[in-house]
Protein backbone atom coordinates (compact mmCIF):
# COMPACT_ATOMS: atom_id res chain seq x y z
CA MET A 1 -0.19 -0.38 -0.09
CA ASP A 2 1.53 3.34 -0.94
CA VAL A 3 0.77 6.12 1.54
CA THR A 4 0.72 9.18 -0.12
CA PRO A 5 0.12 12.99 1.59
CA ASP A 6 -3.12 12.70 0.10
CA THR A 7 -3.86 9.37 2.25
CA TRP A 8 -2.47 10.76 5.54
CA ARG A 9 -5.78 13.15 5.18
CA TRP A 10 -7.62 10.32 6.01
CA ILE A 11 -5.23 8.55 8.39
CA TRP A 12 -5.77 11.68 10.90
CA LEU A 13 -9.57 11.60 10.50
CA ALA A 14 -9.18 8.08 11.58
CA ILE A 15 -7.12 7.88 14.20
CA ALA A 16 -8.87 11.11 15.48
CA ALA A 17 -12.26 9.19 15.47
CA VAL A 18 -10.75 6.64 16.87
CA LEU A 19 -9.31 8.25 20.07
CA ILE A 20 -12.02 10.50 20.66
CA THR A 21 -14.44 7.34 20.61
CA GLY A 22 -12.33 5.30 22.75
CA GLU A 23 -12.20 8.41 25.23
CA MET A 24 -15.84 7.29 25.90
CA PHE A 25 -14.84 3.92 26.96
CA VAL A 26 -12.20 5.01 29.61
CA ALA A 27 -14.14 8.68 30.49
CA GLY A 28 -13.05 10.36 32.85
CA THR A 29 -9.21 10.53 32.71
CA PHE A 30 -8.29 12.21 29.97
CA ILE A 31 -6.43 10.34 28.62
CA LEU A 32 -6.92 9.45 24.53
CA ILE A 33 -9.08 13.30 24.15
CA PRO A 34 -6.15 15.33 23.87
CA PHE A 35 -4.76 13.40 21.41
CA GLY A 36 -7.81 12.79 19.38
CA LEU A 37 -8.28 16.56 19.01
CA SER A 38 -4.55 17.12 18.09
CA ALA A 39 -5.18 14.51 15.15
CA ALA A 40 -7.46 16.35 14.29
CA VAL A 41 -6.00 19.48 13.70
CA ALA A 42 -3.36 17.92 11.84
CA MET A 43 -5.79 16.68 9.17
CA VAL A 44 -7.59 19.66 8.99
CA LEU A 45 -3.80 20.79 7.92
CA ALA A 46 -3.30 17.93 6.01
CA PHE A 47 -6.33 18.82 3.93
CA LEU A 48 -4.93 22.22 3.43
CA GLY A 49 -1.82 20.83 2.30
CA ALA A 50 0.80 20.72 5.36
CA PRO A 51 3.75 18.40 4.99
CA LEU A 52 3.92 15.24 7.38
CA LEU A 53 6.50 16.65 9.36
CA VAL A 54 4.40 19.46 10.42
CA ASP A 55 1.77 17.02 11.08
CA TRP A 56 3.02 14.82 13.10
CA LEU A 57 4.76 18.08 15.24
CA VAL A 58 1.61 19.48 15.53
CA PHE A 59 -0.40 15.54 16.52
CA VAL A 60 2.42 14.77 19.35
CA GLY A 61 3.18 18.73 20.63
CA LEU A 62 -0.32 19.68 20.97
CA GLY A 63 -1.03 16.49 22.42
CA GLY A 64 1.27 16.69 24.80
CA ALA A 65 0.32 20.13 25.72
CA LEU A 66 -3.46 18.93 25.73
CA PHE A 67 -2.53 15.98 27.82
CA SER A 68 -0.71 18.02 30.55
CA VAL A 69 -3.74 20.86 30.33
CA PHE A 70 -6.37 18.32 31.11
CA TRP A 71 -4.33 16.37 33.43
CA ARG A 72 -3.83 18.96 35.85
CA LYS A 73 -8.00 20.64 35.70
CA SER A 74 -8.62 16.76 36.07
CA ARG A 75 -6.39 16.50 39.26
CA VAL A 76 -7.47 19.63 40.64
CA SER A 77 -11.26 18.59 40.05
CA MET A 78 -10.87 15.31 41.45
CA ALA A 79 -9.16 16.81 44.82
CA ALA A 80 -12.57 19.11 44.77
CA MET A 81 -14.66 16.24 45.00
CA LYS A 82 -12.76 14.77 48.46
CA SER A 83 -14.67 15.36 51.40
CA PRO A 84 -13.54 18.18 53.39
CA PRO A 85 -12.76 17.99 57.22
CA GLY A 86 -15.87 17.88 59.60
CA ALA A 87 -18.05 16.03 56.46
CA GLY A 88 -19.39 12.95 56.29
CA HIS A 89 -19.95 10.68 59.80
CA ASP A 90 -16.71 11.41 60.69
CA ARG A 91 -17.64 14.80 61.68
CA LEU A 92 -19.59 13.34 64.80
CA ILE A 93 -16.36 11.85 66.75
CA GLY A 94 -15.40 14.04 70.10
CA VAL A 95 -19.15 15.37 69.57
CA LEU A 96 -21.40 15.76 72.69
CA GLY A 97 -25.14 14.53 72.86
CA ARG A 98 -27.71 13.12 75.06
CA THR A 99 -29.90 10.17 75.34
CA THR A 100 -33.03 9.86 74.40
CA GLU A 101 -33.55 6.19 74.97
CA SER A 102 -31.48 4.28 78.03
CA ILE A 103 -28.23 2.67 75.83
CA PRO A 104 -27.85 -1.19 77.37
CA VAL A 105 -25.05 -3.13 78.03
CA ASP A 106 -25.62 -5.76 75.27
CA PRO A 107 -24.20 -4.21 71.75
CA ALA A 108 -26.77 -6.75 69.59
CA SER A 109 -28.91 -3.59 71.14
CA SER A 110 -29.34 -0.43 70.74
CA GLY A 111 -30.63 3.22 72.19
CA MET A 112 -31.07 6.56 70.40
CA VAL A 113 -28.76 9.44 70.94
CA LYS A 114 -29.71 13.26 69.88
CA VAL A 115 -26.57 15.28 68.60
CA GLY A 116 -27.55 18.33 67.59
CA GLY A 117 -30.75 17.88 65.23
CA GLU A 118 -30.05 14.68 64.95
CA GLU A 119 -31.11 11.07 66.00
CA TRP A 120 -28.81 7.92 65.94
CA ARG A 121 -28.61 4.93 67.01
CA ALA A 122 -25.85 4.59 69.39
CA ILE A 123 -23.95 1.12 71.43
CA SER A 124 -21.67 1.59 74.46
CA ASP A 125 -18.73 -0.12 75.09
CA HIS A 126 -18.56 0.89 78.77
CA GLY A 127 -21.74 -0.12 80.03
CA PRO A 128 -25.57 0.57 80.04
CA ILE A 129 -25.91 4.62 80.17
CA ASP A 130 -29.83 6.07 81.09
CA ALA A 131 -32.14 8.20 79.21
CA GLY A 132 -31.28 11.86 79.61
CA CYS A 133 -27.04 11.59 80.29
CA THR A 134 -24.70 13.30 78.38
CA VAL A 135 -22.61 11.28 76.27
CA GLU A 136 -19.53 11.81 74.10
CA ILE A 137 -19.22 9.95 70.39
CA VAL A 138 -16.21 8.04 70.07
CA GLU A 139 -16.23 6.10 67.48
CA ILE A 140 -18.81 5.20 64.16
CA ARG A 141 -20.02 1.67 63.83
CA GLY A 142 -22.11 1.40 60.51
CA THR A 143 -24.94 3.29 61.47
CA ARG A 144 -24.78 3.38 65.03
CA VAL A 145 -22.48 5.75 67.18
CA VAL A 146 -20.47 4.09 70.37
CA VAL A 147 -20.71 6.50 73.13
CA ARG A 148 -19.37 7.03 76.70
CA GLN A 149 -21.18 8.78 79.22
CA THR A 150 -19.77 12.01 80.48
CA PRO A 151 -19.88 13.65 84.21
CA GLU A 152 -20.87 16.75 82.69
CA GLU A 153 -24.39 17.98 82.52
CA GLY A 154 -25.29 19.81 79.54
CA SER A 155 -25.22 18.76 75.89
CA GLN A 156 -24.27 20.55 72.19
């Protein structure tokens, strides 16, 4: 098969189509799309009559530059999706609450604790706790908080 400069127009088109389509199957990584876009630019240059060397330099150079930009942007957006400190259920550790139901010593049964405006099922590793007592949350186990009674009165 004789590959002429006219043939490269269609080769660049095929490369661009494969890379851009391939990005749909590895979505979120932005690995293929920069080179797919640079192949599209190389295709346009080939249709305008640019030499093959220029097409390759544009494909590699522009693809590398776009990859660098896309990679940084994706890392910044991934970092922004992480939970900030104090988010999620871990924010409750160390917070004081008040028991609304007594908490038995048996870990198979649980009581209720009101923390702020939320009510949580609670268990105690430190003995039974009566209703109306102030407790501190020391751990989260699944959907239950592990509490211990505090000597001070008042709750958050």
